[in-house]
């Protein structure tokens, strides 16, 4: 019983974390080469990517909305709970990824001008 729930939570969670960590870290490379402000750029990208990380982690917003609509109309509570777990996982993953980037940029930029 617990394994399918953990799977439903884990895939969106780790997908969102990956998007939230990879996007700002790779996106800050041009700032490192050209503007010299990679930490600020990484933090801005992390904030901008949070909603997109969630959307990509749950497979696009329309799929989730259709599943929620089907669950409400046909009173399929199982589908509603499953989508709720997936959305919660994606949200938690995006938040964790943003928090990690914020901690890295804050702690690493202390000694830089």
PDB file of N, CA and C in Angstrom:
ATOM      1  N   UNK A   1       0.827  -1.205   0.000  1.00  0.00           N
ATOM      2  CA  UNK A   1       0.000   0.000   0.000  1.00  0.00           C
ATOM      3  C   UNK A   1       0.862   1.256   0.000  1.00  0.00           C
ATOM      4  N   UNK A   2       1.898   1.251   0.814  1.00  0.00           N
ATOM      5  CA  UNK A   2       2.725   2.449   0.932  1.00  0.00           C
ATOM      6  C   UNK A   2       3.640   2.644  -0.267  1.00  0.00           C
ATOM      7  N   UNK A   3       4.042   1.572  -0.911  1.00  0.00           N
ATOM      8  CA  UNK A   3       4.966   1.662  -2.043  1.00  0.00           C
ATOM      9  C   UNK A   3       4.390   2.438  -3.231  1.00  0.00           C
ATOM     10  N   UNK A   4       3.140   2.187  -3.661  1.00  0.00           N
ATOM     11  CA  UNK A   4       2.590   2.994  -4.765  1.00  0.00           C
ATOM     12  C   UNK A   4       2.451   4.475  -4.402  1.00  0.00           C
ATOM     13  N   UNK A   5       2.153   4.758  -3.154  1.00  0.00           N
ATOM     14  CA  UNK A   5       2.053   6.159  -2.720  1.00  0.00           C
ATOM     15  C   UNK A   5       3.423   6.822  -2.771  1.00  0.00           C
ATOM     16  N   UNK A   6       4.430   6.114  -2.287  1.00  0.00           N
ATOM     17  CA  UNK A   6       5.793   6.657  -2.319  1.00  0.00           C
ATOM     18  C   UNK A   6       6.254   6.872  -3.751  1.00  0.00           C
ATOM     19  N   UNK A   7       5.916   5.961  -4.637  1.00  0.00           N
ATOM     20  CA  UNK A   7       6.281   6.100  -6.055  1.00  0.00           C
ATOM     21  C   UNK A   7       5.582   7.306  -6.677  1.00  0.00           C
ATOM     22  N   UNK A   8       4.315   7.461  -6.372  1.00  0.00           N
ATOM     23  CA  UNK A   8       3.554   8.589  -6.900  1.00  0.00           C
ATOM     24  C   UNK A   8       4.130   9.913  -6.425  1.00  0.00           C
ATOM     25  N   UNK A   9       4.651   9.945  -5.211  1.00  0.00           N
ATOM     26  CA  UNK A   9       5.258  11.149  -4.655  1.00  0.00           C
ATOM     27  C   UNK A   9       6.685  11.348  -5.165  1.00  0.00           C
ATOM     28  N   UNK A  10       7.451  10.265  -5.256  1.00  0.00           N
ATOM     29  CA  UNK A  10       8.889  10.359  -5.513  1.00  0.00           C
ATOM     30  C   UNK A  10       9.229  10.838  -6.916  1.00  0.00           C
ATOM     31  N   UNK A  11       8.552  10.346  -7.926  1.00  0.00           N
ATOM     32  CA  UNK A  11       8.911  10.736  -9.285  1.00  0.00           C
ATOM     33  C   UNK A  11       8.724  12.235  -9.531  1.00  0.00           C
ATOM     34  N   UNK A  12       7.590  12.825  -9.206  1.00  0.00           N
ATOM     35  CA  UNK A  12       7.480  14.281  -9.371  1.00  0.00           C
ATOM     36  C   UNK A  12       8.430  15.057  -8.453  1.00  0.00           C
ATOM     37  N   UNK A  13       8.647  14.547  -7.246  1.00  0.00           N
ATOM     38  CA  UNK A  13       9.536  15.220  -6.300  1.00  0.00           C
ATOM     39  C   UNK A  13      10.949  15.344  -6.871  1.00  0.00           C
ATOM     40  N   UNK A  14      11.522  14.224  -7.282  1.00  0.00           N
ATOM     41  CA  UNK A  14      12.903  14.251  -7.760  1.00  0.00           C
ATOM     42  C   UNK A  14      13.035  14.905  -9.131  1.00  0.00           C
ATOM     43  N   UNK A  15      11.991  14.831  -9.942  1.00  0.00           N
ATOM     44  CA  UNK A  15      12.017  15.535 -11.219  1.00  0.00           C
ATOM     45  C   UNK A  15      12.052  17.040 -10.984  1.00  0.00           C
ATOM     46  N   UNK A  16      11.231  17.522 -10.065  1.00  0.00           N
ATOM     47  CA  UNK A  16      11.209  18.955  -9.762  1.00  0.00           C
ATOM     48  C   UNK A  16      12.526  19.414  -9.141  1.00  0.00           C
ATOM     49  N   UNK A  17      13.093  18.595  -8.260  1.00  0.00           N
ATOM     50  CA  UNK A  17      14.395  18.943  -7.668  1.00  0.00           C
ATOM     51  C   UNK A  17      15.449  19.045  -8.763  1.00  0.00           C
ATOM     52  N   UNK A  18      15.451  18.095  -9.681  1.00  0.00           N
ATOM     53  CA  UNK A  18      16.429  18.107 -10.773  1.00  0.00           C
ATOM     54  C   UNK A  18      16.301  19.323 -11.663  1.00  0.00           C
ATOM     55  N   UNK A  19      15.084  19.682 -12.002  1.00  0.00           N
ATOM     56  CA  UNK A  19      14.865  20.868 -12.830  1.00  0.00           C
ATOM     57  C   UNK A  19      15.293  22.116 -12.073  1.00  0.00           C
ATOM     58  N   UNK A  20      14.935  22.164 -10.814  1.00  0.00           N
ATOM     59  CA  UNK A  20      15.225  23.355  -9.998  1.00  0.00           C
ATOM     60  C   UNK A  20      16.708  23.506  -9.700  1.00  0.00           C
ATOM     61  N   UNK A  21      17.452  22.417  -9.661  1.00  0.00           N
ATOM     62  CA  UNK A  21      18.899  22.518  -9.442  1.00  0.00           C
ATOM     63  C   UNK A  21      19.655  22.693 -10.760  1.00  0.00           C
ATOM     64  N   UNK A  22      19.287  21.927 -11.752  1.00  0.00           N
ATOM     65  CA  UNK A  22      20.015  21.961 -13.019  1.00  0.00           C
ATOM     66  C   UNK A  22      19.832  23.249 -13.792  1.00  0.00           C
ATOM     67  N   UNK A  23      18.619  23.759 -13.826  1.00  0.00           N
ATOM     68  CA  UNK A  23      18.349  24.986 -14.586  1.00  0.00           C
ATOM     69  C   UNK A  23      19.174  26.176 -14.116  1.00  0.00           C
ATOM     70  N   UNK A  24      19.112  26.526 -12.838  1.00  0.00           N
ATOM     71  CA  UNK A  24      19.900  27.669 -12.369  1.00  0.00           C
ATOM     72  C   UNK A  24      21.408  27.460 -12.439  1.00  0.00           C
ATOM     73  N   UNK A  25      21.863  26.239 -12.167  1.00  0.00           N
ATOM     74  CA  UNK A  25      23.307  26.009 -12.200  1.00  0.00           C
ATOM     75  C   UNK A  25      23.851  26.126 -13.625  1.00  0.00           C
ATOM     76  N   UNK A  26      23.163  25.540 -14.580  1.00  0.00           N
ATOM     77  CA  UNK A  26      23.613  25.666 -15.972  1.00  0.00           C
ATOM     78  C   UNK A  26      23.286  27.044 -16.546  1.00  0.00           C
ATOM     79  N   UNK A  27      22.173  27.605 -16.128  1.00  0.00           N
ATOM     80  CA  UNK A  27      21.791  28.925 -16.614  1.00  0.00           C
ATOM     81  C   UNK A  27      22.685  30.043 -16.114  1.00  0.00           C
ATOM     82  N   UNK A  28      23.384  29.818 -15.014  1.00  0.00           N
ATOM     83  CA  UNK A  28      24.279  30.837 -14.468  1.00  0.00           C
ATOM     84  C   UNK A  28      25.648  30.838 -15.148  1.00  0.00           C
ATOM     85  N   UNK A  29      25.926  29.849 -15.968  1.00  0.00           N
ATOM     86  CA  UNK A  29      27.230  29.815 -16.658  1.00  0.00           C
ATOM     87  C   UNK A  29      27.464  31.034 -17.553  1.00  0.00           C
ATOM     88  N   UNK A  30      26.494  31.469 -18.364  1.00  0.00           N
ATOM     89  CA  UNK A  30      26.745  32.683 -19.148  1.00  0.00           C
ATOM     90  C   UNK A  30      27.011  33.912 -18.265  1.00  0.00           C
ATOM     91  N   UNK A  31      26.342  33.980 -17.127  1.00  0.00           N
ATOM     92  CA  UNK A  31      26.592  35.101 -16.217  1.00  0.00           C
ATOM     93  C   UNK A  31      28.013  35.037 -15.666  1.00  0.00           C
ATOM     94  N   UNK A  32      28.503  33.842 -15.439  1.00  0.00           N
ATOM     95  CA  UNK A  32      29.877  33.680 -14.970  1.00  0.00           C
ATOM     96  C   UNK A  32      30.866  34.155 -16.028  1.00  0.00           C
ATOM     97  N   UNK A  33      30.558  33.870 -17.280  1.00  0.00           N
ATOM     98  CA  UNK A  33      31.460  34.231 -18.367  1.00  0.00           C
ATOM     99  C   UNK A  33      31.360  35.699 -18.770  1.00  0.00           C
ATOM    100  N   UNK A  34      30.160  36.275 -18.706  1.00  0.00           N
ATOM    101  CA  UNK A  34      29.969  37.610 -19.278  1.00  0.00           C
ATOM    102  C   UNK A  34      29.696  38.717 -18.271  1.00  0.00           C
ATOM    103  N   UNK A  35      28.836  38.492 -17.291  1.00  0.00           N
ATOM    104  CA  UNK A  35      28.481  39.594 -16.394  1.00  0.00           C
ATOM    105  C   UNK A  35      29.166  39.519 -15.042  1.00  0.00           C
ATOM    106  N   UNK A  36      29.656  38.361 -14.663  1.00  0.00           N
ATOM    107  CA  UNK A  36      30.349  38.244 -13.388  1.00  0.00           C
ATOM    108  C   UNK A  36      29.443  38.152 -12.179  1.00  0.00           C
ATOM    109  N   UNK A  37      28.145  37.899 -12.366  1.00  0.00           N
ATOM    110  CA  UNK A  37      27.204  37.787 -11.242  1.00  0.00           C
ATOM    111  C   UNK A  37      26.451  36.461 -11.303  1.00  0.00           C
ATOM    112  N   UNK A  38      27.158  35.345 -11.229  1.00  0.00           N
ATOM    113  CA  UNK A  38      26.471  34.054 -11.379  1.00  0.00           C
ATOM    114  C   UNK A  38      25.561  33.695 -10.201  1.00  0.00           C
ATOM    115  N   UNK A  39      25.895  34.136  -8.994  1.00  0.00           N
ATOM    116  CA  UNK A  39      25.073  33.783  -7.843  1.00  0.00           C
ATOM    117  C   UNK A  39      23.723  34.476  -7.903  1.00  0.00           C
ATOM    118  N   UNK A  40      23.730  35.748  -8.253  1.00  0.00           N
ATOM    119  CA  UNK A  40      22.472  36.480  -8.374  1.00  0.00           C
ATOM    120  C   UNK A  40      21.625  35.913  -9.511  1.00  0.00           C
ATOM    121  N   UNK A  41      22.282  35.591 -10.627  1.00  0.00           N
ATOM    122  CA  UNK A  41      21.570  35.022 -11.763  1.00  0.00           C
ATOM    123  C   UNK A  41      20.974  33.665 -11.420  1.00  0.00           C
ATOM    124  N   UNK A  42      21.727  32.825 -10.723  1.00  0.00           N
ATOM    125  CA  UNK A  42      21.232  31.497 -10.336  1.00  0.00           C
ATOM    126  C   UNK A  42      20.026  31.608  -9.418  1.00  0.00           C
ATOM    127  N   UNK A  43      20.073  32.545  -8.479  1.00  0.00           N
ATOM    128  CA  UNK A  43      18.949  32.724  -7.562  1.00  0.00           C
ATOM    129  C   UNK A  43      17.714  33.237  -8.294  1.00  0.00           C
ATOM    130  N   UNK A  44      17.894  34.164  -9.219  1.00  0.00           N
ATOM    131  CA  UNK A  44      16.761  34.665 -10.000  1.00  0.00           C
ATOM    132  C   UNK A  44      16.166  33.567 -10.872  1.00  0.00           C
ATOM    133  N   UNK A  45      17.023  32.772 -11.494  1.00  0.00           N
ATOM    134  CA  UNK A  45      16.534  31.664 -12.319  1.00  0.00           C
ATOM    135  C   UNK A  45      15.789  30.632 -11.467  1.00  0.00           C
ATOM    136  N   UNK A  46      16.295  30.353 -10.285  1.00  0.00           N
ATOM    137  CA  UNK A  46      15.633  29.388  -9.408  1.00  0.00           C
ATOM    138  C   UNK A  46      14.233  29.863  -9.031  1.00  0.00           C
ATOM    139  N   UNK A  47      14.094  31.147  -8.748  1.00  0.00           N
ATOM    140  CA  UNK A  47      12.780  31.684  -8.406  1.00  0.00           C
ATOM    141  C   UNK A  47      11.835  31.620  -9.605  1.00  0.00           C
ATOM    142  N   UNK A  48      12.355  31.917 -10.796  1.00  0.00           N
ATOM    143  CA  UNK A  48      11.521  31.887 -11.996  1.00  0.00           C
ATOM    144  C   UNK A  48      11.141  30.472 -12.417  1.00  0.00           C
ATOM    145  N   UNK A  49      11.988  29.504 -12.128  1.00  0.00           N
ATOM    146  CA  UNK A  49      11.764  28.132 -12.580  1.00  0.00           C
ATOM    147  C   UNK A  49      10.875  27.313 -11.645  1.00  0.00           C
ATOM    148  N   UNK A  50      10.541  27.828 -10.475  1.00  0.00           N
ATOM    149  CA  UNK A  50       9.775  27.027  -9.520  1.00  0.00           C
ATOM    150  C   UNK A  50       8.461  26.516 -10.108  1.00  0.00           C
ATOM    151  N   UNK A  51       7.675  27.375 -10.699  1.00  0.00           N
ATOM    152  CA  UNK A  51       6.381  26.961 -11.235  1.00  0.00           C
ATOM    153  C   UNK A  51       6.562  26.024 -12.424  1.00  0.00           C
ATOM    154  N   UNK A  52       7.603  26.274 -13.229  1.00  0.00           N
ATOM    155  CA  UNK A  52       7.855  25.416 -14.388  1.00  0.00           C
ATOM    156  C   UNK A  52       8.356  24.052 -13.951  1.00  0.00           C
ATOM    157  N   UNK A  53       9.130  24.003 -12.892  1.00  0.00           N
ATOM    158  CA  UNK A  53       9.586  22.717 -12.366  1.00  0.00           C
ATOM    159  C   UNK A  53       8.396  21.885 -11.900  1.00  0.00           C
ATOM    160  N   UNK A  54       7.449  22.527 -11.255  1.00  0.00           N
ATOM    161  CA  UNK A  54       6.243  21.813 -10.823  1.00  0.00           C
ATOM    162  C   UNK A  54       5.439  21.328 -12.017  1.00  0.00           C
ATOM    163  N   UNK A  55       5.244  22.176 -13.013  1.00  0.00           N
ATOM    164  CA  UNK A  55       4.452  21.798 -14.185  1.00  0.00           C
ATOM    165  C   UNK A  55       5.099  20.640 -14.940  1.00  0.00           C
ATOM    166  N   UNK A  56       6.399  20.686 -15.111  1.00  0.00           N
ATOM    167  CA  UNK A  56       7.084  19.604 -15.818  1.00  0.00           C
ATOM    168  C   UNK A  56       7.091  18.319 -15.001  1.00  0.00           C
ATOM    169  N   UNK A  57       7.211  18.428 -13.701  1.00  0.00           N
ATOM    170  CA  UNK A  57       7.274  17.245 -12.844  1.00  0.00           C
ATOM    171  C   UNK A  57       5.959  16.477 -12.828  1.00  0.00           C
ATOM    172  N   UNK A  58       4.846  17.166 -12.968  1.00  0.00           N
ATOM    173  CA  UNK A  58       3.557  16.468 -12.959  1.00  0.00           C
ATOM    174  C   UNK A  58       3.077  16.159 -14.373  1.00  0.00           C
ATOM    175  N   UNK A  59       3.913  16.407 -15.360  1.00  0.00           N
ATOM    176  CA  UNK A  59       3.578  16.013 -16.722  1.00  0.00           C
ATOM    177  C   UNK A  59       2.746  17.021 -17.476  1.00  0.00           C
ATOM    178  N   UNK A  60       2.786  18.250 -17.100  1.00  0.00           N
ATOM    179  CA  UNK A  60       1.997  19.270 -17.770  1.00  0.00           C
ATOM    180  C   UNK A  60       0.705  19.515 -17.015  1.00  0.00           C
ATOM    181  N   UNK A  61       0.248  20.730 -17.039  1.00  0.00           N
ATOM    182  CA  UNK A  61      -0.897  21.099 -16.205  1.00  0.00           C
ATOM    183  C   UNK A  61      -2.219  20.543 -16.721  1.00  0.00           C
ATOM    184  N   UNK A  62      -2.380  20.359 -18.018  1.00  0.00           N
ATOM    185  CA  UNK A  62      -3.668  19.911 -18.529  1.00  0.00           C
ATOM    186  C   UNK A  62      -3.960  18.464 -18.149  1.00  0.00           C
ATOM    187  N   UNK A  63      -2.952  17.631 -18.113  1.00  0.00           N
ATOM    188  CA  UNK A  63      -3.151  16.241 -17.718  1.00  0.00           C
ATOM    189  C   UNK A  63      -3.670  16.162 -16.289  1.00  0.00           C
ATOM    190  N   UNK A  64      -3.072  16.932 -15.415  1.00  0.00           N
ATOM    191  CA  UNK A  64      -3.488  16.927 -14.012  1.00  0.00           C
ATOM    192  C   UNK A  64      -4.889  17.502 -13.877  1.00  0.00           C
ATOM    193  N   UNK A  65      -5.165  18.585 -14.589  1.00  0.00           N
ATOM    194  CA  UNK A  65      -6.501  19.185 -14.517  1.00  0.00           C
ATOM    195  C   UNK A  65      -7.568  18.228 -15.042  1.00  0.00           C
ATOM    196  N   UNK A  66      -7.263  17.506 -16.111  1.00  0.00           N
ATOM    197  CA  UNK A  66      -8.217  16.525 -16.630  1.00  0.00           C
ATOM    198  C   UNK A  66      -8.463  15.405 -15.626  1.00  0.00           C
ATOM    199  N   UNK A  67      -7.402  14.944 -14.985  1.00  0.00           N
ATOM    200  CA  UNK A  67      -7.555  13.883 -13.988  1.00  0.00           C
ATOM    201  C   UNK A  67      -8.365  14.370 -12.792  1.00  0.00           C
ATOM    202  N   UNK A  68      -8.140  15.593 -12.376  1.00  0.00           N
ATOM    203  CA  UNK A  68      -8.905  16.154 -11.258  1.00  0.00           C
ATOM    204  C   UNK A  68     -10.365  16.309 -11.657  1.00  0.00           C
ATOM    205  N   UNK A  69     -10.589  16.782 -12.867  1.00  0.00           N
ATOM    206  CA  UNK A  69     -11.966  16.950 -13.352  1.00  0.00           C
ATOM    207  C   UNK A  69     -12.676  15.607 -13.438  1.00  0.00           C
ATOM    208  N   UNK A  70     -12.001  14.605 -13.941  1.00  0.00           N
ATOM    209  CA  UNK A  70     -12.587  13.264 -14.023  1.00  0.00           C
ATOM    210  C   UNK A  70     -12.892  12.731 -12.626  1.00  0.00           C
ATOM    211  N   UNK A  71     -11.979  12.956 -11.726  1.00  0.00           N
ATOM    212  CA  UNK A  71     -12.192  12.506 -10.355  1.00  0.00           C
ATOM    213  C   UNK A  71     -13.373  13.190  -9.697  1.00  0.00           C
ATOM    214  N   UNK A  72     -13.566  14.464  -9.964  1.00  0.00           N
ATOM    215  CA  UNK A  72     -14.687  15.188  -9.373  1.00  0.00           C
ATOM    216  C   UNK A  72     -16.013  14.798 -10.007  1.00  0.00           C
ATOM    217  N   UNK A  73     -16.040  14.738 -11.332  1.00  0.00           N
ATOM    218  CA  UNK A  73     -17.285  14.446 -12.029  1.00  0.00           C
ATOM    219  C   UNK A  73     -17.742  13.014 -11.781  1.00  0.00           C
ATOM    220  N   UNK A  74     -16.816  12.080 -11.854  1.00  0.00           N
ATOM    221  CA  UNK A  74     -17.175  10.676 -11.709  1.00  0.00           C
ATOM    222  C   UNK A  74     -16.965  10.157 -10.290  1.00  0.00           C
ATOM    223  N   UNK A  75     -16.638  11.049  -9.397  1.00  0.00           N
ATOM    224  CA  UNK A  75     -16.449  10.744  -7.983  1.00  0.00           C
ATOM    225  C   UNK A  75     -15.458   9.596  -7.762  1.00  0.00           C
ATOM    226  N   UNK A  76     -14.342   9.727  -8.451  1.00  0.00           N
ATOM    227  CA  UNK A  76     -13.276   8.750  -8.286  1.00  0.00           C
ATOM    228  C   UNK A  76     -12.229   9.341  -7.345  1.00  0.00           C
ATOM    229  N   UNK A  77     -12.430   9.091  -6.085  1.00  0.00           N
ATOM    230  CA  UNK A  77     -11.586   9.667  -5.044  1.00  0.00           C
ATOM    231  C   UNK A  77     -10.149   9.192  -5.191  1.00  0.00           C
ATOM    232  N   UNK A  78      -9.956   7.965  -5.629  1.00  0.00           N
ATOM    233  CA  UNK A  78      -8.603   7.415  -5.797  1.00  0.00           C
ATOM    234  C   UNK A  78      -7.781   8.279  -6.747  1.00  0.00           C
ATOM    235  N   UNK A  79      -8.386   8.685  -7.876  1.00  0.00           N
ATOM    236  CA  UNK A  79      -7.666   9.532  -8.838  1.00  0.00           C
ATOM    237  C   UNK A  79      -7.359  10.907  -8.260  1.00  0.00           C
ATOM    238  N   UNK A  80      -8.297  11.449  -7.510  1.00  0.00           N
ATOM    239  CA  UNK A  80      -8.060  12.754  -6.875  1.00  0.00           C
ATOM    240  C   UNK A  80      -6.910  12.688  -5.878  1.00  0.00           C
ATOM    241  N   UNK A  81      -6.891  11.656  -5.066  1.00  0.00           N
ATOM    242  CA  UNK A  81      -5.831  11.504  -4.071  1.00  0.00           C
ATOM    243  C   UNK A  81      -4.489  11.309  -4.765  1.00  0.00           C
ATOM    244  N   UNK A  82      -4.468  10.497  -5.809  1.00  0.00           N
ATOM    245  CA  UNK A  82      -3.231  10.244  -6.542  1.00  0.00           C
ATOM    246  C   UNK A  82      -2.680  11.539  -7.152  1.00  0.00           C
ATOM    247  N   UNK A  83      -3.530  12.329  -7.766  1.00  0.00           N
ATOM    248  CA  UNK A  83      -3.069  13.591  -8.338  1.00  0.00           C
ATOM    249  C   UNK A  83      -2.646  14.573  -7.255  1.00  0.00           C
ATOM    250  N   UNK A  84      -3.336  14.557  -6.131  1.00  0.00           N
ATOM    251  CA  UNK A  84      -2.941  15.410  -5.013  1.00  0.00           C
ATOM    252  C   UNK A  84      -1.563  15.055  -4.487  1.00  0.00           C
ATOM    253  N   UNK A  85      -1.278  13.765  -4.419  1.00  0.00           N
ATOM    254  CA  UNK A  85       0.045  13.322  -3.972  1.00  0.00           C
ATOM    255  C   UNK A  85       1.110  13.741  -4.972  1.00  0.00           C
ATOM    256  N   UNK A  86       0.815  13.609  -6.271  1.00  0.00           N
ATOM    257  CA  UNK A  86       1.782  13.998  -7.303  1.00  0.00           C
ATOM    258  C   UNK A  86       2.049  15.501  -7.262  1.00  0.00           C
ATOM    259  N   UNK A  87       1.009  16.301  -7.115  1.00  0.00           N
ATOM    260  CA  UNK A  87       1.182  17.755  -7.049  1.00  0.00           C
ATOM    261  C   UNK A  87       1.954  18.141  -5.793  1.00  0.00           C
ATOM    262  N   UNK A  88       1.658  17.484  -4.680  1.00  0.00           N
ATOM    263  CA  UNK A  88       2.383  17.756  -3.441  1.00  0.00           C
ATOM    264  C   UNK A  88       3.862  17.402  -3.587  1.00  0.00           C
ATOM    265  N   UNK A  89       4.147  16.282  -4.233  1.00  0.00           N
ATOM    266  CA  UNK A  89       5.534  15.893  -4.473  1.00  0.00           C
ATOM    267  C   UNK A  89       6.266  16.898  -5.347  1.00  0.00           C
ATOM    268  N   UNK A  90       5.600  17.348  -6.407  1.00  0.00           N
ATOM    269  CA  UNK A  90       6.216  18.334  -7.298  1.00  0.00           C
ATOM    270  C   UNK A  90       6.458  19.654  -6.568  1.00  0.00           C
ATOM    271  N   UNK A  91       5.496  20.076  -5.767  1.00  0.00           N
ATOM    272  CA  UNK A  91       5.653  21.315  -5.008  1.00  0.00           C
ATOM    273  C   UNK A  91       6.803  21.207  -4.006  1.00  0.00           C
ATOM    274  N   UNK A  92       6.844  20.092  -3.282  1.00  0.00           N
ATOM    275  CA  UNK A  92       7.912  19.901  -2.295  1.00  0.00           C
ATOM    276  C   UNK A  92       9.282  19.837  -2.970  1.00  0.00           C
ATOM    277  N   UNK A  93       9.361  19.188  -4.116  1.00  0.00           N
ATOM    278  CA  UNK A  93      10.629  19.108  -4.840  1.00  0.00           C
ATOM    279  C   UNK A  93      11.092  20.461  -5.345  1.00  0.00           C
ATOM    280  N   UNK A  94      10.161  21.235  -5.885  1.00  0.00           N
ATOM    281  CA  UNK A  94      10.523  22.571  -6.371  1.00  0.00           C
ATOM    282  C   UNK A  94      10.971  23.466  -5.218  1.00  0.00           C
ATOM    283  N   UNK A  95      10.286  23.368  -4.092  1.00  0.00           N
ATOM    284  CA  UNK A  95      10.674  24.167  -2.929  1.00  0.00           C
ATOM    285  C   UNK A  95      12.044  23.752  -2.402  1.00  0.00           C
ATOM    286  N   UNK A  96      12.292  22.446  -2.342  1.00  0.00           N
ATOM    287  CA  UNK A  96      13.586  21.971  -1.865  1.00  0.00           C
ATOM    288  C   UNK A  96      14.703  22.413  -2.805  1.00  0.00           C
ATOM    289  N   UNK A  97      14.492  22.294  -4.100  1.00  0.00           N
ATOM    290  CA  UNK A  97      15.497  22.737  -5.061  1.00  0.00           C
ATOM    291  C   UNK A  97      15.788  24.222  -4.935  1.00  0.00           C
ATOM    292  N   UNK A  98      14.738  25.029  -4.786  1.00  0.00           N
ATOM    293  CA  UNK A  98      14.925  26.472  -4.607  1.00  0.00           C
ATOM    294  C   UNK A  98      15.685  26.758  -3.310  1.00  0.00           C
ATOM    295  N   UNK A  99      15.337  26.050  -2.253  1.00  0.00           N
ATOM    296  CA  UNK A  99      16.012  26.259  -0.978  1.00  0.00           C
ATOM    297  C   UNK A  99      17.496  25.925  -1.087  1.00  0.00           C
ATOM    298  N   UNK A 100      17.830  24.842  -1.774  1.00  0.00           N
ATOM    299  CA  UNK A 100      19.236  24.458  -1.946  1.00  0.00           C
ATOM    300  C   UNK A 100      19.989  25.531  -2.729  1.00  0.00           C
ATOM    301  N   UNK A 101      19.413  26.009  -3.812  1.00  0.00           N
ATOM    302  CA  UNK A 101      20.063  27.066  -4.603  1.00  0.00           C
ATOM    303  C   UNK A 101      20.221  28.332  -3.772  1.00  0.00           C
ATOM    304  N   UNK A 102      19.182  28.683  -3.013  1.00  0.00           N
ATOM    305  CA  UNK A 102      19.265  29.882  -2.167  1.00  0.00           C
ATOM    306  C   UNK A 102      20.368  29.743  -1.132  1.00  0.00           C
ATOM    307  N   UNK A 103      20.473  28.567  -0.510  1.00  0.00           N
ATOM    308  CA  UNK A 103      21.523  28.347   0.477  1.00  0.00           C
ATOM    309  C   UNK A 103      22.903  28.388  -0.161  1.00  0.00           C
ATOM    310  N   UNK A 104      23.045  27.763  -1.313  1.00  0.00           N
ATOM    311  CA  UNK A 104      24.342  27.776  -2.003  1.00  0.00           C
ATOM    312  C   UNK A 104      24.758  29.183  -2.409  1.00  0.00           C
ATOM    313  N   UNK A 105      23.840  29.918  -2.985  1.00  0.00           N
ATOM    314  CA  UNK A 105      24.196  31.262  -3.460  1.00  0.00           C
ATOM    315  C   UNK A 105      24.432  32.220  -2.298  1.00  0.00           C
ATOM    316  N   UNK A 106      23.692  32.063  -1.227  1.00  0.00           N
ATOM    317  CA  UNK A 106      23.882  32.934  -0.063  1.00  0.00           C
ATOM    318  C   UNK A 106      25.204  32.629   0.625  1.00  0.00           C
ATOM    319  N   UNK A 107      25.489  31.355   0.826  1.00  0.00           N
ATOM    320  CA  UNK A 107      26.709  30.972   1.545  1.00  0.00           C
ATOM    321  C   UNK A 107      27.962  31.164   0.692  1.00  0.00           C
ATOM    322  N   UNK A 108      27.882  30.977  -0.606  1.00  0.00           N
ATOM    323  CA  UNK A 108      29.055  31.113  -1.456  1.00  0.00           C
ATOM    324  C   UNK A 108      29.359  32.559  -1.827  1.00  0.00           C
ATOM    325  N   UNK A 109      28.338  33.414  -1.802  1.00  0.00           N
ATOM    326  CA  UNK A 109      28.554  34.794  -2.214  1.00  0.00           C
ATOM    327  C   UNK A 109      28.974  35.717  -1.067  1.00  0.00           C
ATOM    328  N   UNK A 110      29.176  35.193   0.109  1.00  0.00           N
ATOM    329  CA  UNK A 110      29.552  36.041   1.261  1.00  0.00           C
ATOM    330  C   UNK A 110      30.905  36.699   1.031  1.00  0.00           C
ATOM    331  N   UNK A 111      31.859  35.970   0.526  1.00  0.00           N
ATOM    332  CA  UNK A 111      33.197  36.514   0.364  1.00  0.00           C
ATOM    333  C   UNK A 111      33.445  37.213  -0.961  1.00  0.00           C
ATOM    334  N   UNK A 112      32.467  37.242  -1.868  1.00  0.00           N
ATOM    335  CA  UNK A 112      32.671  37.865  -3.174  1.00  0.00           C
ATOM    336  C   UNK A 112      32.208  39.302  -3.169  1.00  0.00           C
ATOM    337  N   UNK A 113      32.818  40.153  -3.991  1.00  0.00           N
ATOM    338  CA  UNK A 113      32.406  41.560  -4.026  1.00  0.00           C
ATOM    339  C   UNK A 113      31.080  41.763  -4.711  1.00  0.00           C
TER     340      UNK A 113
END
